[in-house]
C-alpha atoms as a PDB file:
ATOM      1  CA  MET A   1       0.000   0.000   0.000  1.00  0.00           C
ATOM      2  CA  LEU A   2       2.838   2.366   0.889  1.00  0.00           C
ATOM      3  CA  TYR A   3       4.490   1.631  -2.450  1.00  0.00           C
ATOM      4  CA  LEU A   4       1.271   2.415  -4.324  1.00  0.00           C
ATOM      5  CA  SER A   5       0.716   5.731  -2.519  1.00  0.00           C
ATOM      6  CA  SER A   6       4.346   6.749  -3.077  1.00  0.00           C
ATOM      7  CA  TYR A   7       4.059   5.808  -6.744  1.00  0.00           C
ATOM      8  CA  LEU A   8       0.838   7.811  -7.123  1.00  0.00           C
ATOM      9  CA  CYS A   9       2.294  10.887  -5.383  1.00  0.00           C
ATOM     10  CA  ASN A  10       5.362  10.829  -7.625  1.00  0.00           C
ATOM     11  CA  TRP A  11       3.279  10.691 -10.791  1.00  0.00           C
ATOM     12  CA  LEU A  12       1.038  13.501  -9.556  1.00  0.00           C
ATOM     13  CA  LYS A  13       4.117  15.670  -8.935  1.00  0.00           C
ATOM     14  CA  ILE A  14       5.395  14.947 -12.448  1.00  0.00           C
ATOM     15  CA  ASN A  15       1.939  15.837 -13.798  1.00  0.00           C
ATOM     16  CA  ASP A  16       2.022  19.150 -11.920  1.00  0.00           C
ATOM     17  CA  PHE A  17       5.423  19.941 -13.346  1.00  0.00           C
ATOM     18  CA  PHE A  18       4.274  19.401 -16.918  1.00  0.00           C
ATOM     19  CA  CYS A  19       0.964  21.233 -16.358  1.00  0.00           C
ATOM     20  CA  LEU A  20       2.957  24.284 -15.203  1.00  0.00           C
ATOM     21  CA  ASN A  21       1.460  24.264 -11.701  1.00  0.00           C
ATOM     22  CA  ILE A  22       4.865  24.861 -10.100  1.00  0.00           C
ATOM     23  CA  LEU A  23       5.685  28.563  -9.937  1.00  0.00           C
ATOM     24  CA  GLY A  24       8.067  30.853  -8.107  1.00  0.00           C
ATOM     25  CA  ASP A  25       6.784  32.778  -5.123  1.00  0.00           C
ATOM     26  CA  VAL A  26       6.767  36.569  -5.520  1.00  0.00           C
ATOM     27  CA  LEU A  27       8.092  37.229  -2.034  1.00  0.00           C
ATOM     28  CA  THR A  28      11.030  34.816  -1.914  1.00  0.00           C
ATOM     29  CA  GLY A  29      11.304  33.199  -5.330  1.00  0.00           C
ATOM     30  CA  ILE A  30      10.943  29.731  -3.809  1.00  0.00           C
ATOM     31  CA  CYS A  31       9.288  27.359  -6.250  1.00  0.00           C
ATOM     32  CA  SER A  32       6.162  25.773  -4.896  1.00  0.00           C
ATOM     33  CA  MET A  33       2.921  24.252  -6.008  1.00  0.00           C
ATOM     34  CA  ALA A  34       0.250  26.455  -7.632  1.00  0.00           C
ATOM     35  CA  VAL A  35       1.250  29.790  -6.106  1.00  0.00           C
ATOM     36  CA  TRP A  36      -1.154  31.909  -8.175  1.00  0.00           C
ATOM     37  CA  SER A  37      -3.803  29.277  -8.727  1.00  0.00           C
ATOM     38  CA  ASP A  38      -7.410  29.814  -7.655  1.00  0.00           C
ATOM     39  CA  ASP A  39      -8.376  26.282  -8.513  1.00  0.00           C
ATOM     40  CA  THR A  40      -8.202  23.229  -6.330  1.00  0.00           C
ATOM     41  CA  ALA A  41      -4.573  22.337  -7.140  1.00  0.00           C
ATOM     42  CA  VAL A  42      -3.314  23.865  -3.907  1.00  0.00           C
ATOM     43  CA  ARG A  43      -5.984  22.132  -1.893  1.00  0.00           C
ATOM     44  CA  ASP A  44      -5.618  18.760  -3.597  1.00  0.00           C
ATOM     45  CA  MET A  45      -1.840  18.608  -3.968  1.00  0.00           C
ATOM     46  CA  VAL A  46      -0.585  20.532  -0.923  1.00  0.00           C
ATOM     47  CA  LEU A  47      -3.149  20.947   1.834  1.00  0.00           C
ATOM     48  CA  ILE A  48      -4.880  17.568   1.758  1.00  0.00           C
ATOM     49  CA  PRO A  49      -1.640  15.513   1.744  1.00  0.00           C
ATOM     50  CA  LEU A  50      -0.172  17.628   4.566  1.00  0.00           C
ATOM     51  CA  VAL A  51      -3.287  17.187   6.702  1.00  0.00           C
ATOM     52  CA  VAL A  52      -3.551  13.454   5.946  1.00  0.00           C
ATOM     53  CA  TYR A  53       0.122  12.841   6.763  1.00  0.00           C
ATOM     54  CA  LEU A  54      -0.155  14.863   9.968  1.00  0.00           C
ATOM     55  CA  ILE A  55      -3.227  12.898  11.082  1.00  0.00           C
ATOM     56  CA  LEU A  56      -1.609   9.558  10.205  1.00  0.00           C
ATOM     57  CA  GLY A  57       1.629  10.516  11.937  1.00  0.00           C
ATOM     58  CA  THR A  58      -0.234  11.618  15.053  1.00  0.00           C
ATOM     59  CA  ALA A  59      -2.231   8.374  15.097  1.00  0.00           C
ATOM     60  CA  PHE A  60       0.932   6.261  14.788  1.00  0.00           C
ATOM     61  CA  TRP A  61       2.660   8.362  17.451  1.00  0.00           C
ATOM     62  CA  MET A  62      -0.237   7.909  19.864  1.00  0.00           C
ATOM     63  CA  ALA A  63      -0.350   4.149  19.240  1.00  0.00           C
ATOM     64  CA  GLY A  64       3.394   3.879  19.819  1.00  0.00           C
ATOM     65  CA  PHE A  65       3.283   6.019  22.928  1.00  0.00           C
ATOM     66  CA  VAL A  66       0.449   3.936  24.409  1.00  0.00           C
ATOM     67  CA  SER A  67       2.475   0.784  23.691  1.00  0.00           C
ATOM     68  CA  LEU A  68       5.546   2.258  25.388  1.00  0.00           C
ATOM     69  CA  CYS A  69       3.452   3.173  28.432  1.00  0.00           C
ATOM     70  CA  ARG A  70       2.164  -0.414  28.624  1.00  0.00           C
ATOM     71  CA  ILE A  71       5.701  -1.804  28.322  1.00  0.00           C
ATOM     72  CA  ARG A  72       6.886   0.547  31.072  1.00  0.00           C
ATOM     73  CA  LYS A  73       4.004  -0.523  33.306  1.00  0.00           C
ATOM     74  CA  VAL A  74       4.819  -4.217  32.778  1.00  0.00           C
ATOM     75  CA  MET A  75       8.529  -3.603  33.419  1.00  0.00           C
ATOM     76  CA  LYS A  76       7.798  -1.761  36.673  1.00  0.00           C
ATOM     77  CA  HIS A  77       5.309  -4.434  37.761  1.00  0.00           C
ATOM     78  CA  ASP A  78       7.861  -7.204  37.133  1.00  0.00           C
ATOM     79  CA  GLY A  79      10.566  -5.228  38.914  1.00  0.00           C
ATOM     80  CA  THR A  80      12.743  -5.139  35.810  1.00  0.00           C
ATOM     81  CA  ARG A  81      15.581  -2.681  35.859  1.00  0.00           C
ATOM     82  CA  GLY A  82      16.273  -0.365  32.975  1.00  0.00           C
ATOM     83  CA  THR A  83      13.077   1.637  32.923  1.00  0.00           C
ATOM     84  CA  ASP A  84      15.216   4.792  33.089  1.00  0.00           C
ATOM     85  CA  LYS A  85      16.343   4.359  29.482  1.00  0.00           C
ATOM     86  CA  LEU A  86      12.780   3.670  28.382  1.00  0.00           C
ATOM     87  CA  GLU A  87      11.534   6.780  30.191  1.00  0.00           C
ATOM     88  CA  LYS A  88      14.272   8.889  28.557  1.00  0.00           C
ATOM     89  CA  LEU A  89      13.233   7.512  25.176  1.00  0.00           C
ATOM     90  CA  MET A  90       9.598   8.336  25.910  1.00  0.00           C
ATOM     91  CA  ILE A  91      10.537  11.905  26.863  1.00  0.00           C
ATOM     92  CA  ARG A  92      12.579  12.304  23.676  1.00  0.00           C
ATOM     93  CA  ILE A  93       9.714  10.976  21.562  1.00  0.00           C
ATOM     94  CA  GLY A  94       7.252  13.321  23.294  1.00  0.00           C
ATOM     95  CA  VAL A  95       9.463  16.396  22.868  1.00  0.00           C
ATOM     96  CA  PHE A  96      10.185  15.526  19.242  1.00  0.00           C
ATOM     97  CA  SER A  97       6.516  15.026  18.429  1.00  0.00           C
ATOM     98  CA  VAL A  98       5.562  18.397  19.934  1.00  0.00           C
ATOM     99  CA  LEU A  99       8.451  20.152  18.173  1.00  0.00           C
ATOM    100  CA  TYR A 100       7.357  18.576  14.902  1.00  0.00           C
ATOM    101  CA  THR A 101       3.573  18.862  15.216  1.00  0.00           C
ATOM    102  CA  VAL A 102       3.291  22.520  16.271  1.00  0.00           C
ATOM    103  CA  PRO A 103       5.210  23.900  13.236  1.00  0.00           C
ATOM    104  CA  ALA A 104       3.412  21.476  10.903  1.00  0.00           C
ATOM    105  CA  VAL A 105       0.012  22.694  12.140  1.00  0.00           C
ATOM    106  CA  ALA A 106       1.174  26.321  11.854  1.00  0.00           C
ATOM    107  CA  GLN A 107       2.298  25.703   8.271  1.00  0.00           C
ATOM    108  CA  ILE A 108      -1.063  24.170   7.380  1.00  0.00           C
ATOM    109  CA  LEU A 109      -2.889  27.152   8.920  1.00  0.00           C
ATOM    110  CA  CYS A 110      -0.718  29.608   6.951  1.00  0.00           C
ATOM    111  CA  LEU A 111      -1.433  27.735   3.716  1.00  0.00           C
ATOM    112  CA  VAL A 112      -5.176  27.704   4.450  1.00  0.00           C
ATOM    113  CA  TYR A 113      -5.076  31.465   5.135  1.00  0.00           C
ATOM    114  CA  GLU A 114      -3.284  32.041   1.838  1.00  0.00           C
ATOM    115  CA  HIS A 115      -5.591  29.736  -0.133  1.00  0.00           C
ATOM    116  CA  VAL A 116      -8.808  31.235   1.274  1.00  0.00           C
ATOM    117  CA  ASN A 117      -7.810  34.882   0.723  1.00  0.00           C
ATOM    118  CA  LEU A 118      -5.826  34.707  -2.528  1.00  0.00           C
ATOM    119  CA  SER A 119      -8.673  35.583  -4.906  1.00  0.00           C
ATOM    120  CA  SER A 120      -9.723  38.663  -2.899  1.00  0.00           C
ATOM    121  CA  TRP A 121      -6.077  39.809  -2.706  1.00  0.00           C
ATOM    122  CA  ILE A 122      -5.700  39.553  -6.471  1.00  0.00           C
ATOM    123  CA  ILE A 123      -8.948  41.471  -7.087  1.00  0.00           C
ATOM    124  CA  SER A 124      -7.900  44.157  -4.603  1.00  0.00           C
ATOM    125  CA  TRP A 125      -4.460  44.438  -6.202  1.00  0.00           C
ATOM    126  CA  HIS A 126      -6.013  44.648  -9.677  1.00  0.00           C
ATOM    127  CA  SER A 127      -8.500  47.331  -8.531  1.00  0.00           C
ATOM    128  CA  THR A 128      -5.663  49.396  -7.094  1.00  0.00           C
ATOM    129  CA  LEU A 129      -3.577  49.135 -10.274  1.00  0.00           C
ATOM    130  CA  CYS A 130      -6.464  49.866 -12.634  1.00  0.00           C
ATOM    131  CA  GLN A 131      -6.939  53.309 -11.068  1.00  0.00           C
ATOM    132  CA  ASP A 132      -3.377  54.276 -11.968  1.00  0.00           C
ATOM    133  CA  PRO A 133      -3.319  55.667 -15.545  1.00  0.00           C
ATOM    134  CA  LYS A 134       0.209  54.448 -16.281  1.00  0.00           C
ATOM    135  CA  TYR A 135      -0.889  50.781 -16.221  1.00  0.00           C
ATOM    136  CA  ALA A 136      -3.953  51.157 -18.496  1.00  0.00           C
ATOM    137  CA  LEU A 137      -5.705  48.144 -17.018  1.00  0.00           C
ATOM    138  CA  PRO A 138      -9.472  47.691 -17.103  1.00  0.00           C
ATOM    139  CA  CYS A 139     -11.025  47.746 -13.654  1.00  0.00           C
ATOM    140  CA  PRO A 140     -12.623  44.505 -12.427  1.00  0.00           C
ATOM    141  CA  SER A 141     -16.390  44.277 -12.653  1.00  0.00           C
ATOM    142  CA  GLN A 142     -16.815  43.170  -9.047  1.00  0.00           C
ATOM    143  CA  PRO A 143     -16.130  45.755  -6.384  1.00  0.00           C
ATOM    144  CA  SER A 144     -13.404  44.962  -3.923  1.00  0.00           C
ATOM    145  CA  ASP A 145     -12.254  46.136  -0.561  1.00  0.00           C
ATOM    146  CA  PRO A 146      -9.005  48.039  -1.203  1.00  0.00           C
ATOM    147  CA  GLY A 147      -7.923  47.362   2.358  1.00  0.00           C
ATOM    148  CA  ARG A 148      -7.680  43.599   1.740  1.00  0.00           C
ATOM    149  CA  LYS A 149      -3.960  42.945   1.689  1.00  0.00           C
ATOM    150  CA  PRO A 150      -2.006  39.867   2.647  1.00  0.00           C
ATOM    151  CA  SER A 151      -0.348  39.833   6.040  1.00  0.00           C
ATOM    152  CA  PHE A 152       3.424  39.881   5.645  1.00  0.00           C
ATOM    153  CA  GLU A 153       3.832  38.238   9.046  1.00  0.00           C
ATOM    154  CA  VAL A 154       1.841  35.189   7.957  1.00  0.00           C
ATOM    155  CA  PHE A 155       4.074  34.694   4.924  1.00  0.00           C
ATOM    156  CA  ILE A 156       7.228  35.006   7.026  1.00  0.00           C
ATOM    157  CA  ALA A 157       5.728  32.587   9.556  1.00  0.00           C
ATOM    158  CA  LYS A 158       4.965  30.129   6.736  1.00  0.00           C
ATOM    159  CA  TYR A 159       8.582  30.064   5.598  1.00  0.00           C
ATOM    160  CA  PHE A 160       9.915  29.999   9.151  1.00  0.00           C
ATOM    161  CA  VAL A 161       7.808  27.037  10.242  1.00  0.00           C
ATOM    162  CA  SER A 162       8.524  25.127   7.029  1.00  0.00           C
ATOM    163  CA  LEU A 163      12.227  25.370   7.858  1.00  0.00           C
ATOM    164  CA  LEU A 164      11.608  24.752  11.551  1.00  0.00           C
ATOM    165  CA  VAL A 165      10.058  21.344  10.845  1.00  0.00           C
ATOM    166  CA  GLY A 166      13.342  20.217   9.297  1.00  0.00           C
ATOM    167  CA  LEU A 167      15.373  21.739  12.098  1.00  0.00           C
ATOM    168  CA  THR A 168      13.371  20.001  14.790  1.00  0.00           C
ATOM    169  CA  SER A 169      13.915  16.684  13.031  1.00  0.00           C
ATOM    170  CA  SER A 170      17.581  17.021  13.930  1.00  0.00           C
ATOM    171  CA  VAL A 171      16.637  17.153  17.634  1.00  0.00           C
ATOM    172  CA  TRP A 172      16.255  13.389  17.522  1.00  0.00           C
ATOM    173  CA  ILE A 173      19.969  12.845  16.920  1.00  0.00           C
ATOM    174  CA  TRP A 174      21.175  15.370  19.494  1.00  0.00           C
ATOM    175  CA  SER A 175      22.809  13.498  22.337  1.00  0.00           C
ATOM    176  CA  GLY A 176      26.057  13.401  24.272  1.00  0.00           C
ATOM    177  CA  LYS A 177      27.376  10.592  22.072  1.00  0.00           C
ATOM    178  CA  THR A 178      26.672  12.557  18.902  1.00  0.00           C
ATOM    179  CA  LEU A 179      28.412  15.665  20.236  1.00  0.00           C
ATOM    180  CA  ASN A 180      31.445  13.626  21.329  1.00  0.00           C
ATOM    181  CA  SER A 181      31.647  11.982  17.908  1.00  0.00           C
ATOM    182  CA  TRP A 182      31.562  15.371  16.183  1.00  0.00           C
ATOM    183  CA  GLN A 183      34.218  16.776  18.523  1.00  0.00           C
ATOM    184  CA  LYS A 184      36.516  13.835  17.791  1.00  0.00           C
ATOM    185  CA  PHE A 185      35.905  14.150  14.059  1.00  0.00           C
ATOM    186  CA  LEU A 186      36.596  17.896  14.010  1.00  0.00           C
ATOM    187  CA  ALA A 187      39.700  17.450  16.167  1.00  0.00           C
ATOM    188  CA  ARG A 188      41.078  14.928  13.664  1.00  0.00           C
ATOM    189  CA  ILE A 189      40.523  17.083  10.578  1.00  0.00           C
ATOM    190  CA  ARG A 190      41.646  20.327  12.208  1.00  0.00           C
ATOM    191  CA  PRO A 191      45.406  20.798  11.916  1.00  0.00           C
ATOM    192  CA  ASN A 192      47.322  21.447  15.094  1.00  0.00           C
ATOM    193  CA  SER A 193      47.493  25.194  15.562  1.00  0.00           C
ATOM    194  CA  GLY A 194      51.243  25.683  15.829  1.00  0.00           C
ATOM    195  CA  LYS A 195      51.707  23.176  18.631  1.00  0.00           C
ATOM    196  CA  SER A 196      54.711  21.001  18.218  1.00  0.00           C
ATOM    197  CA  GLU A 197      55.267  18.089  20.475  1.00  0.00           C
ATOM    198  CA  ALA A 198      58.757  17.125  21.462  1.00  0.00           C
ATOM    199  CA  TYR A 199      59.479  13.495  22.050  1.00  0.00           C
ATOM    200  CA  VAL A 200      62.448  12.619  24.296  1.00  0.00           C
END
């Protein structure tokens, strides 16, 4: 089943590429799916998969966490040692899931805000430009609220949380062992800074 869904998603992405649904964002130039599209491409190819994957991930996390709690309870009941490591693992999983879920939900909310308001922003922008004689654009037939402008903060938040999701994924590998390994690696590749050892 996983293979089939991955296969389907890959072909849909290729379809979007050839249908010219991938455009550069005006604010940052980052290519993304259906930036200026009023149709359902954003909803079907971006929002729905993000929401489905978040719900599935949360369901699997909850099932795993319940299983770990049951294992911990059995280990404590039997008097087995070593529950400290299991409890540390449970804390790490809990912190990681919160650090991953909060930015993912924020990103979905920013995309919903953008998708819901995009058509009114474009009409408002067009109405503002049509009043300027240097552009010579016909004014839209439907009246618009000239005060309807996108919130810059929401766009910055969207990019920040999309990067934050990747950053929080690295929290999983942060540990004392990892830091020691990196220190040893950097000490080996860094040349000695002018220190010469004398052997007698």
